[in-house]
Amino acid sequence: MTPPPARPAAGLHDEVVPNERAEFVRRLYTRHNPSLKRFLGHMLRSPEDVAEVIQDVYLRIIRQDDLDKLLEYPRAYLFRTATNLVRDRLRRQRVRMADFQVPLHEHEIACPVPSPEVSLHWKQNLELLKSALRELTPLEQKIFLMHRIRRLTYAQISEELGLSVRSIERHMRAVLIHCRTRLENSQ
């Protein structure tokens, strides 16, 4: 969208001396900010982006050493500066987005199904674990199943079996050591 035609702003470009720079920018802002905001609103997606670009426009004006270009056609200068800032901003966003896009052939896509080797490994480990559990005493089997399958706490198991929590802990430790040893010895 192109900005409205520029014309000299009467009263705006009265002689600007360094002491009056801030007042000059304030008059520019008061006179042109609403139309500049509408203009940028058509180019940018969010009010926050519009506000940032407007801030950058006025910041550039404040930092300029020579205001002669601005004095003759201030509206045109504001809109041209804003348009250039929006172009720069969109160009940077495009570059950033390109960095996030990676061609699919450059990366291996993980398959949700395990490979046959991984499946075989887990099946073998499961069989070893079942075999290790069958080697436990009936009480240790019961404690293990209550804790791991029924998700009971040691206190709940202790209450249900009439044993101390300390005793349940000892049995579970023995079960885990036995199972780990069986799995490690098979490797």
N, C-alpha and C. Protein backbone atom coordinates (compact mmCIF):
# COMPACT_ATOMS: atom_id res chain seq x y z
N MET A 1 0.86 -1.16 0.00
CA MET A 1 0.00 0.00 0.00
C MET A 1 0.90 1.23 0.00
N THR A 2 0.58 2.18 -0.83
CA THR A 2 1.41 3.39 -0.89
C THR A 2 0.85 4.44 0.04
N PRO A 3 1.72 5.26 0.58
CA PRO A 3 1.26 6.29 1.52
C PRO A 3 0.51 7.38 0.77
N PRO A 4 -0.34 8.10 1.48
CA PRO A 4 -1.05 9.22 0.86
C PRO A 4 -0.05 10.23 0.33
N PRO A 5 -0.45 11.03 -0.67
CA PRO A 5 0.50 11.99 -1.25
C PRO A 5 1.08 12.90 -0.18
N ALA A 6 2.35 13.17 -0.34
CA ALA A 6 3.04 14.02 0.63
C ALA A 6 2.91 15.47 0.23
N ARG A 7 2.78 16.31 1.22
CA ARG A 7 2.76 17.75 0.96
C ARG A 7 3.41 18.42 2.15
N PRO A 8 3.99 19.55 1.94
CA PRO A 8 4.65 20.23 3.06
C PRO A 8 3.65 20.51 4.16
N ALA A 9 4.07 20.29 5.39
CA ALA A 9 3.20 20.54 6.54
C ALA A 9 3.42 21.95 7.05
N ALA A 10 2.42 22.76 6.92
CA ALA A 10 2.54 24.14 7.36
C ALA A 10 2.70 24.17 8.87
N GLY A 11 3.62 24.98 9.33
CA GLY A 11 3.81 25.16 10.76
C GLY A 11 4.73 24.13 11.37
N LEU A 12 4.96 23.02 10.67
CA LEU A 12 5.82 21.98 11.23
C LEU A 12 7.28 22.32 11.04
N HIS A 13 7.59 22.90 9.90
CA HIS A 13 9.00 23.10 9.62
C HIS A 13 9.45 24.54 9.86
N ASP A 14 8.85 25.12 10.86
CA ASP A 14 9.41 26.39 11.31
C ASP A 14 10.84 26.06 11.70
N GLU A 15 11.66 26.99 11.71
CA GLU A 15 13.09 26.76 11.93
C GLU A 15 13.34 25.86 13.13
N VAL A 16 14.12 24.78 12.91
CA VAL A 16 14.43 23.83 13.97
C VAL A 16 15.87 24.06 14.39
N VAL A 17 16.03 24.39 15.63
CA VAL A 17 17.36 24.53 16.19
C VAL A 17 17.56 23.38 17.16
N PRO A 18 18.79 23.04 17.47
CA PRO A 18 19.04 21.87 18.32
C PRO A 18 18.22 21.85 19.60
N ASN A 19 17.95 22.98 20.20
CA ASN A 19 17.18 22.99 21.45
C ASN A 19 15.73 22.58 21.23
N GLU A 20 15.27 22.79 20.03
CA GLU A 20 13.85 22.51 19.75
C GLU A 20 13.63 21.15 19.09
N ARG A 21 14.67 20.34 18.97
CA ARG A 21 14.55 19.04 18.30
C ARG A 21 13.46 18.17 18.92
N ALA A 22 13.44 18.04 20.23
CA ALA A 22 12.45 17.21 20.90
C ALA A 22 11.04 17.73 20.66
N GLU A 23 10.88 19.05 20.68
CA GLU A 23 9.55 19.65 20.43
C GLU A 23 9.11 19.39 19.00
N PHE A 24 10.07 19.47 18.06
CA PHE A 24 9.77 19.20 16.66
C PHE A 24 9.28 17.76 16.48
N VAL A 25 9.97 16.83 17.08
CA VAL A 25 9.58 15.42 16.98
C VAL A 25 8.23 15.20 17.64
N ARG A 26 7.97 15.87 18.75
CA ARG A 26 6.67 15.75 19.41
C ARG A 26 5.55 16.25 18.50
N ARG A 27 5.78 17.37 17.79
CA ARG A 27 4.77 17.90 16.86
C ARG A 27 4.55 16.93 15.69
N LEU A 28 5.65 16.35 15.20
CA LEU A 28 5.53 15.34 14.14
C LEU A 28 4.65 14.18 14.61
N TYR A 29 4.95 13.71 15.79
CA TYR A 29 4.23 12.57 16.35
C TYR A 29 2.74 12.91 16.50
N THR A 30 2.45 14.04 17.07
CA THR A 30 1.07 14.45 17.30
C THR A 30 0.30 14.56 15.99
N ARG A 31 0.94 15.13 14.99
CA ARG A 31 0.26 15.39 13.73
C ARG A 31 0.12 14.13 12.86
N HIS A 32 1.14 13.28 12.83
CA HIS A 32 1.15 12.18 11.85
C HIS A 32 1.00 10.78 12.42
N ASN A 33 1.07 10.62 13.71
CA ASN A 33 1.04 9.27 14.27
C ASN A 33 -0.24 8.49 13.95
N PRO A 34 -1.44 9.10 14.05
CA PRO A 34 -2.65 8.31 13.75
C PRO A 34 -2.65 7.76 12.32
N SER A 35 -2.28 8.59 11.33
CA SER A 35 -2.28 8.10 9.95
C SER A 35 -1.14 7.10 9.71
N LEU A 36 -0.01 7.32 10.36
CA LEU A 36 1.10 6.37 10.24
C LEU A 36 0.72 5.02 10.85
N LYS A 37 0.02 5.06 11.95
CA LYS A 37 -0.42 3.82 12.61
C LYS A 37 -1.40 3.05 11.70
N ARG A 38 -2.34 3.77 11.07
CA ARG A 38 -3.29 3.11 10.15
C ARG A 38 -2.55 2.50 8.97
N PHE A 39 -1.62 3.28 8.41
CA PHE A 39 -0.84 2.82 7.27
C PHE A 39 -0.07 1.54 7.60
N LEU A 40 0.60 1.52 8.74
CA LEU A 40 1.37 0.34 9.14
C LEU A 40 0.47 -0.82 9.52
N GLY A 41 -0.72 -0.52 10.03
CA GLY A 41 -1.67 -1.57 10.40
C GLY A 41 -2.06 -2.43 9.21
N HIS A 42 -2.03 -1.84 7.99
CA HIS A 42 -2.35 -2.61 6.78
C HIS A 42 -1.19 -3.49 6.35
N MET A 43 0.01 -3.17 6.81
CA MET A 43 1.20 -3.90 6.38
C MET A 43 1.66 -4.96 7.37
N LEU A 44 1.35 -4.76 8.64
CA LEU A 44 1.84 -5.66 9.68
C LEU A 44 0.68 -6.40 10.33
N ARG A 45 0.99 -7.52 10.94
CA ARG A 45 -0.05 -8.38 11.52
C ARG A 45 -0.53 -7.95 12.89
N SER A 46 0.37 -7.46 13.70
CA SER A 46 -0.02 -7.22 15.10
C SER A 46 0.18 -5.76 15.49
N PRO A 47 -0.66 -5.28 16.42
CA PRO A 47 -0.48 -3.92 16.93
C PRO A 47 0.88 -3.72 17.60
N GLU A 48 1.43 -4.80 18.17
CA GLU A 48 2.74 -4.70 18.80
C GLU A 48 3.82 -4.41 17.76
N ASP A 49 3.72 -5.06 16.59
CA ASP A 49 4.68 -4.82 15.52
C ASP A 49 4.56 -3.38 15.01
N VAL A 50 3.32 -2.91 14.88
CA VAL A 50 3.08 -1.54 14.44
C VAL A 50 3.74 -0.57 15.42
N ALA A 51 3.52 -0.78 16.70
CA ALA A 51 4.09 0.10 17.72
C ALA A 51 5.62 0.09 17.67
N GLU A 52 6.21 -1.08 17.45
CA GLU A 52 7.67 -1.17 17.37
C GLU A 52 8.23 -0.39 16.18
N VAL A 53 7.56 -0.53 15.03
CA VAL A 53 8.04 0.17 13.84
C VAL A 53 7.89 1.68 14.03
N ILE A 54 6.77 2.11 14.60
CA ILE A 54 6.59 3.55 14.85
C ILE A 54 7.68 4.06 15.77
N GLN A 55 7.97 3.31 16.78
CA GLN A 55 9.04 3.71 17.71
C GLN A 55 10.37 3.82 16.97
N ASP A 56 10.64 2.86 16.10
CA ASP A 56 11.90 2.89 15.34
C ASP A 56 11.95 4.09 14.39
N VAL A 57 10.81 4.44 13.80
CA VAL A 57 10.76 5.60 12.89
C VAL A 57 11.17 6.86 13.64
N TYR A 58 10.55 7.09 14.78
CA TYR A 58 10.85 8.31 15.52
C TYR A 58 12.25 8.27 16.13
N LEU A 59 12.71 7.10 16.45
CA LEU A 59 14.08 6.97 16.96
C LEU A 59 15.08 7.37 15.88
N ARG A 60 14.82 6.97 14.64
CA ARG A 60 15.70 7.36 13.53
C ARG A 60 15.70 8.87 13.34
N ILE A 61 14.54 9.46 13.48
CA ILE A 61 14.45 10.92 13.32
C ILE A 61 15.26 11.61 14.41
N ILE A 62 15.10 11.16 15.63
CA ILE A 62 15.80 11.78 16.75
C ILE A 62 17.32 11.66 16.57
N ARG A 63 17.77 10.55 16.01
CA ARG A 63 19.21 10.31 15.87
C ARG A 63 19.83 11.02 14.66
N GLN A 64 19.01 11.59 13.80
CA GLN A 64 19.55 12.23 12.60
C GLN A 64 20.24 13.54 12.93
N ASP A 65 21.36 13.74 12.27
CA ASP A 65 22.08 15.00 12.45
C ASP A 65 21.46 16.12 11.62
N ASP A 66 21.05 15.76 10.40
CA ASP A 66 20.53 16.77 9.47
C ASP A 66 19.04 16.54 9.25
N LEU A 67 18.24 17.51 9.64
CA LEU A 67 16.79 17.39 9.50
C LEU A 67 16.27 18.11 8.27
N ASP A 68 17.13 18.54 7.35
CA ASP A 68 16.69 19.29 6.18
C ASP A 68 15.72 18.50 5.32
N LYS A 69 16.02 17.20 5.09
CA LYS A 69 15.13 16.36 4.27
C LYS A 69 13.75 16.27 4.92
N LEU A 70 13.74 16.22 6.20
CA LEU A 70 12.51 16.07 6.95
C LEU A 70 11.68 17.34 6.99
N LEU A 71 12.33 18.47 6.96
CA LEU A 71 11.63 19.74 7.09
C LEU A 71 10.73 20.04 5.90
N GLU A 72 11.17 19.66 4.71
CA GLU A 72 10.39 20.00 3.53
C GLU A 72 9.14 19.14 3.39
N TYR A 73 9.27 17.83 3.52
CA TYR A 73 8.13 16.92 3.38
C TYR A 73 8.14 15.92 4.54
N PRO A 74 7.76 16.33 5.71
CA PRO A 74 7.87 15.44 6.88
C PRO A 74 7.00 14.20 6.78
N ARG A 75 5.79 14.33 6.26
CA ARG A 75 4.88 13.17 6.15
C ARG A 75 5.47 12.12 5.20
N ALA A 76 5.96 12.56 4.05
CA ALA A 76 6.54 11.64 3.08
C ALA A 76 7.76 10.94 3.70
N TYR A 77 8.57 11.69 4.42
CA TYR A 77 9.76 11.13 5.04
C TYR A 77 9.38 10.08 6.08
N LEU A 78 8.38 10.37 6.91
CA LEU A 78 7.92 9.41 7.92
C LEU A 78 7.44 8.12 7.28
N PHE A 79 6.59 8.26 6.25
CA PHE A 79 6.02 7.07 5.62
C PHE A 79 7.08 6.28 4.86
N ARG A 80 8.03 6.95 4.22
CA ARG A 80 9.09 6.23 3.51
C ARG A 80 9.96 5.48 4.51
N THR A 81 10.30 6.12 5.61
CA THR A 81 11.11 5.47 6.64
C THR A 81 10.37 4.26 7.21
N ALA A 82 9.08 4.42 7.48
CA ALA A 82 8.28 3.32 8.01
C ALA A 82 8.22 2.16 7.01
N THR A 83 8.02 2.47 5.75
CA THR A 83 7.96 1.43 4.72
C THR A 83 9.29 0.67 4.65
N ASN A 84 10.38 1.39 4.69
CA ASN A 84 11.70 0.73 4.65
C ASN A 84 11.92 -0.15 5.87
N LEU A 85 11.51 0.33 7.03
CA LEU A 85 11.66 -0.48 8.25
C LEU A 85 10.81 -1.75 8.18
N VAL A 86 9.60 -1.64 7.63
CA VAL A 86 8.75 -2.83 7.50
C VAL A 86 9.39 -3.82 6.54
N ARG A 87 9.91 -3.33 5.42
CA ARG A 87 10.59 -4.23 4.46
C ARG A 87 11.76 -4.95 5.12
N ASP A 88 12.57 -4.20 5.86
CA ASP A 88 13.71 -4.82 6.56
C ASP A 88 13.23 -5.87 7.55
N ARG A 89 12.19 -5.54 8.28
CA ARG A 89 11.64 -6.45 9.30
C ARG A 89 11.13 -7.74 8.65
N LEU A 90 10.39 -7.61 7.55
CA LEU A 90 9.84 -8.78 6.86
C LEU A 90 10.96 -9.62 6.24
N ARG A 91 11.98 -8.96 5.73
CA ARG A 91 13.12 -9.68 5.17
C ARG A 91 13.82 -10.51 6.25
N ARG A 92 14.02 -9.91 7.43
CA ARG A 92 14.66 -10.64 8.55
C ARG A 92 13.79 -11.82 8.99
N GLN A 93 12.48 -11.61 9.04
CA GLN A 93 11.59 -12.71 9.43
C GLN A 93 11.66 -13.84 8.41
N ARG A 94 11.71 -13.51 7.15
CA ARG A 94 11.79 -14.53 6.11
C ARG A 94 13.07 -15.34 6.25
N VAL A 95 14.18 -14.66 6.52
CA VAL A 95 15.46 -15.36 6.70
C VAL A 95 15.40 -16.26 7.92
N ARG A 96 14.82 -15.73 9.01
CA ARG A 96 14.70 -16.55 10.23
C ARG A 96 13.84 -17.79 9.98
N MET A 97 12.75 -17.61 9.25
CA MET A 97 11.87 -18.75 8.96
C MET A 97 12.58 -19.76 8.06
N ALA A 98 13.39 -19.29 7.14
CA ALA A 98 14.12 -20.21 6.27
C ALA A 98 15.09 -21.05 7.08
N ASP A 99 15.63 -20.48 8.15
CA ASP A 99 16.55 -21.23 9.00
C ASP A 99 15.83 -22.39 9.70
N PHE A 100 14.54 -22.23 9.97
CA PHE A 100 13.79 -23.27 10.67
C PHE A 100 13.32 -24.37 9.73
N GLN A 101 13.29 -24.09 8.44
CA GLN A 101 12.81 -25.08 7.49
C GLN A 101 13.98 -25.94 7.02
N VAL A 102 13.85 -27.23 7.24
CA VAL A 102 14.91 -28.16 6.87
C VAL A 102 14.31 -29.19 5.92
N PRO A 103 14.93 -29.39 4.77
CA PRO A 103 14.41 -30.39 3.83
C PRO A 103 14.34 -31.77 4.50
N LEU A 104 13.30 -32.51 4.20
CA LEU A 104 13.09 -33.81 4.83
C LEU A 104 14.19 -34.80 4.49
N HIS A 105 14.76 -34.71 3.30
CA HIS A 105 15.78 -35.69 2.93
C HIS A 105 17.06 -35.52 3.74
N GLU A 106 17.22 -34.38 4.42
CA GLU A 106 18.42 -34.17 5.22
C GLU A 106 18.34 -34.81 6.60
N HIS A 107 17.16 -35.18 7.02
CA HIS A 107 17.00 -35.77 8.34
C HIS A 107 16.25 -37.08 8.24
N GLU A 108 16.69 -37.99 9.06
CA GLU A 108 16.02 -39.27 9.12
C GLU A 108 14.78 -39.11 9.99
N ILE A 109 13.67 -39.58 9.50
CA ILE A 109 12.44 -39.48 10.26
C ILE A 109 12.31 -40.74 11.11
N ALA A 110 12.12 -40.54 12.40
CA ALA A 110 12.03 -41.68 13.32
C ALA A 110 10.71 -42.42 13.09
N CYS A 111 10.82 -43.70 13.05
CA CYS A 111 9.65 -44.55 12.88
C CYS A 111 9.10 -44.92 14.25
N PRO A 112 7.79 -44.80 14.47
CA PRO A 112 7.24 -45.12 15.79
C PRO A 112 7.30 -46.61 16.12
N VAL A 113 7.51 -47.44 15.13
CA VAL A 113 7.59 -48.88 15.35
C VAL A 113 9.07 -49.25 15.54
N PRO A 114 9.40 -49.97 16.60
CA PRO A 114 10.81 -50.33 16.81
C PRO A 114 11.30 -51.28 15.72
N SER A 115 12.59 -51.24 15.51
CA SER A 115 13.19 -52.12 14.50
C SER A 115 13.08 -53.57 14.98
N PRO A 116 13.22 -54.52 14.08
CA PRO A 116 13.15 -55.93 14.48
C PRO A 116 14.20 -56.30 15.54
N GLU A 117 15.39 -55.70 15.43
CA GLU A 117 16.44 -56.00 16.40
C GLU A 117 16.05 -55.52 17.79
N VAL A 118 15.50 -54.30 17.85
CA VAL A 118 15.09 -53.74 19.15
C VAL A 118 13.95 -54.57 19.73
N SER A 119 12.99 -54.95 18.89
CA SER A 119 11.87 -55.77 19.36
C SER A 119 12.36 -57.10 19.93
N LEU A 120 13.30 -57.72 19.22
CA LEU A 120 13.84 -59.00 19.68
C LEU A 120 14.55 -58.82 21.01
N HIS A 121 15.35 -57.76 21.13
CA HIS A 121 16.07 -57.49 22.38
C HIS A 121 15.09 -57.37 23.55
N TRP A 122 14.02 -56.59 23.38
CA TRP A 122 13.05 -56.40 24.48
C TRP A 122 12.28 -57.68 24.79
N LYS A 123 11.97 -58.45 23.77
CA LYS A 123 11.27 -59.73 24.02
C LYS A 123 12.16 -60.68 24.82
N GLN A 124 13.44 -60.72 24.46
CA GLN A 124 14.37 -61.58 25.20
C GLN A 124 14.51 -61.13 26.64
N ASN A 125 14.62 -59.83 26.85
CA ASN A 125 14.72 -59.31 28.21
C ASN A 125 13.45 -59.58 29.02
N LEU A 126 12.31 -59.49 28.37
CA LEU A 126 11.05 -59.78 29.06
C LEU A 126 10.99 -61.25 29.48
N GLU A 127 11.43 -62.13 28.61
CA GLU A 127 11.45 -63.56 28.96
C GLU A 127 12.42 -63.82 30.11
N LEU A 128 13.58 -63.17 30.10
CA LEU A 128 14.52 -63.31 31.21
C LEU A 128 13.92 -62.81 32.52
N LEU A 129 13.20 -61.71 32.45
CA LEU A 129 12.58 -61.16 33.66
C LEU A 129 11.50 -62.10 34.18
N LYS A 130 10.68 -62.64 33.29
CA LYS A 130 9.65 -63.60 33.72
C LYS A 130 10.29 -64.81 34.39
N SER A 131 11.37 -65.31 33.78
CA SER A 131 12.07 -66.46 34.34
C SER A 131 12.63 -66.12 35.73
N ALA A 132 13.21 -64.91 35.87
CA ALA A 132 13.76 -64.49 37.17
C ALA A 132 12.66 -64.39 38.21
N LEU A 133 11.50 -63.89 37.82
CA LEU A 133 10.39 -63.76 38.78
C LEU A 133 9.87 -65.13 39.23
N ARG A 134 9.89 -66.11 38.33
CA ARG A 134 9.45 -67.46 38.69
C ARG A 134 10.39 -68.10 39.71
N GLU A 135 11.62 -67.64 39.75
CA GLU A 135 12.60 -68.19 40.69
C GLU A 135 12.45 -67.61 42.10
N LEU A 136 11.63 -66.58 42.25
CA LEU A 136 11.44 -65.95 43.57
C LEU A 136 10.55 -66.80 44.46
N THR A 137 10.60 -66.52 45.75
CA THR A 137 9.68 -67.20 46.68
C THR A 137 8.28 -66.65 46.42
N PRO A 138 7.25 -67.41 46.80
CA PRO A 138 5.88 -66.93 46.60
C PRO A 138 5.64 -65.57 47.28
N LEU A 139 6.20 -65.34 48.45
CA LEU A 139 6.01 -64.07 49.15
C LEU A 139 6.67 -62.93 48.36
N GLU A 140 7.88 -63.15 47.85
CA GLU A 140 8.56 -62.12 47.09
C GLU A 140 7.81 -61.82 45.78
N GLN A 141 7.28 -62.87 45.16
CA GLN A 141 6.49 -62.67 43.94
C GLN A 141 5.27 -61.80 44.24
N LYS A 142 4.59 -62.12 45.35
CA LYS A 142 3.38 -61.39 45.73
C LYS A 142 3.70 -59.92 46.02
N ILE A 143 4.77 -59.67 46.78
CA ILE A 143 5.16 -58.30 47.11
C ILE A 143 5.50 -57.53 45.83
N PHE A 144 6.26 -58.16 44.94
CA PHE A 144 6.65 -57.51 43.69
C PHE A 144 5.42 -57.14 42.86
N LEU A 145 4.51 -58.08 42.69
CA LEU A 145 3.30 -57.83 41.89
C LEU A 145 2.41 -56.76 42.54
N MET A 146 2.30 -56.78 43.86
CA MET A 146 1.47 -55.78 44.54
C MET A 146 2.05 -54.37 44.32
N HIS A 147 3.38 -54.31 44.37
CA HIS A 147 4.00 -52.99 44.23
C HIS A 147 4.03 -52.53 42.76
N ARG A 148 4.49 -53.40 41.85
CA ARG A 148 4.70 -52.99 40.46
C ARG A 148 3.45 -53.06 39.59
N ILE A 149 2.56 -53.99 39.87
CA ILE A 149 1.37 -54.14 39.03
C ILE A 149 0.17 -53.40 39.64
N ARG A 150 -0.09 -53.66 40.91
CA ARG A 150 -1.22 -53.00 41.57
C ARG A 150 -0.89 -51.59 42.03
N ARG A 151 0.39 -51.21 41.98
CA ARG A 151 0.87 -49.87 42.34
C ARG A 151 0.60 -49.50 43.80
N LEU A 152 0.71 -50.49 44.68
CA LEU A 152 0.53 -50.23 46.10
C LEU A 152 1.84 -49.74 46.70
N THR A 153 1.74 -48.90 47.71
CA THR A 153 2.93 -48.43 48.41
C THR A 153 3.41 -49.52 49.36
N TYR A 154 4.63 -49.36 49.86
CA TYR A 154 5.15 -50.33 50.82
C TYR A 154 4.27 -50.36 52.07
N ALA A 155 3.76 -49.22 52.48
CA ALA A 155 2.90 -49.16 53.67
C ALA A 155 1.61 -49.93 53.44
N GLN A 156 1.02 -49.80 52.24
CA GLN A 156 -0.21 -50.52 51.93
C GLN A 156 0.04 -52.03 51.87
N ILE A 157 1.15 -52.42 51.26
CA ILE A 157 1.50 -53.85 51.18
C ILE A 157 1.73 -54.38 52.60
N SER A 158 2.43 -53.61 53.41
CA SER A 158 2.72 -54.01 54.79
C SER A 158 1.42 -54.25 55.55
N GLU A 159 0.48 -53.37 55.39
CA GLU A 159 -0.81 -53.50 56.09
C GLU A 159 -1.57 -54.72 55.59
N GLU A 160 -1.58 -54.93 54.28
CA GLU A 160 -2.34 -56.04 53.71
C GLU A 160 -1.73 -57.40 54.07
N LEU A 161 -0.40 -57.49 54.13
CA LEU A 161 0.25 -58.76 54.42
C LEU A 161 0.59 -58.95 55.90
N GLY A 162 0.42 -57.89 56.68
CA GLY A 162 0.72 -57.99 58.10
C GLY A 162 2.21 -58.06 58.39
N LEU A 163 3.04 -57.45 57.54
CA LEU A 163 4.49 -57.41 57.73
C LEU A 163 4.90 -55.95 57.97
N SER A 164 6.10 -55.76 58.48
CA SER A 164 6.58 -54.39 58.69
C SER A 164 6.99 -53.78 57.35
N VAL A 165 6.98 -52.46 57.28
CA VAL A 165 7.42 -51.75 56.07
C VAL A 165 8.88 -52.09 55.79
N ARG A 166 9.67 -52.17 56.84
CA ARG A 166 11.09 -52.50 56.70
C ARG A 166 11.27 -53.87 56.05
N SER A 167 10.41 -54.82 56.43
CA SER A 167 10.47 -56.16 55.86
C SER A 167 10.10 -56.13 54.37
N ILE A 168 9.09 -55.33 54.01
CA ILE A 168 8.68 -55.19 52.60
C ILE A 168 9.84 -54.60 51.80
N GLU A 169 10.49 -53.59 52.35
CA GLU A 169 11.63 -52.96 51.67
C GLU A 169 12.75 -53.98 51.42
N ARG A 170 13.03 -54.83 52.42
CA ARG A 170 14.07 -55.84 52.28
C ARG A 170 13.73 -56.84 51.18
N HIS A 171 12.47 -57.28 51.16
CA HIS A 171 12.04 -58.24 50.13
C HIS A 171 12.14 -57.60 48.73
N MET A 172 11.70 -56.34 48.60
CA MET A 172 11.74 -55.68 47.29
C MET A 172 13.19 -55.48 46.82
N ARG A 173 14.06 -55.15 47.74
CA ARG A 173 15.47 -54.99 47.40
C ARG A 173 16.03 -56.31 46.88
N ALA A 174 15.69 -57.40 47.56
CA ALA A 174 16.17 -58.72 47.14
C ALA A 174 15.64 -59.08 45.76
N VAL A 175 14.36 -58.75 45.51
CA VAL A 175 13.74 -59.04 44.20
C VAL A 175 14.47 -58.27 43.10
N LEU A 176 14.69 -56.99 43.33
CA LEU A 176 15.33 -56.14 42.31
C LEU A 176 16.76 -56.57 42.04
N ILE A 177 17.49 -56.91 43.08
CA ILE A 177 18.87 -57.37 42.90
C ILE A 177 18.89 -58.67 42.11
N HIS A 178 17.99 -59.58 42.43
CA HIS A 178 17.91 -60.86 41.72
C HIS A 178 17.60 -60.64 40.23
N CYS A 179 16.62 -59.80 39.94
CA CYS A 179 16.23 -59.56 38.54
C CYS A 179 17.36 -58.87 37.76
N ARG A 180 17.99 -57.87 38.37
CA ARG A 180 19.07 -57.16 37.70
C ARG A 180 20.25 -58.11 37.42
N THR A 181 20.56 -58.95 38.39
CA THR A 181 21.66 -59.90 38.22
C THR A 181 21.38 -60.85 37.07
N ARG A 182 20.17 -61.35 37.00
CA ARG A 182 19.78 -62.25 35.89
C ARG A 182 19.90 -61.57 34.54
N LEU A 183 19.44 -60.30 34.45
CA LEU A 183 19.51 -59.58 33.19
C LEU A 183 20.96 -59.27 32.79
N GLU A 184 21.78 -58.89 33.77
CA GLU A 184 23.18 -58.57 33.49
C GLU A 184 23.97 -59.80 33.08
N ASN A 185 23.69 -60.95 33.71
CA ASN A 185 24.41 -62.19 33.39
C ASN A 185 24.07 -62.72 32.00
N SER A 186 22.95 -62.32 31.48
CA SER A 186 22.54 -62.81 30.16
C SER A 186 23.18 -62.00 29.03
N GLN A 187 23.71 -60.86 29.35
CA GLN A 187 24.27 -59.96 28.31
C GLN A 187 25.57 -60.45 27.82
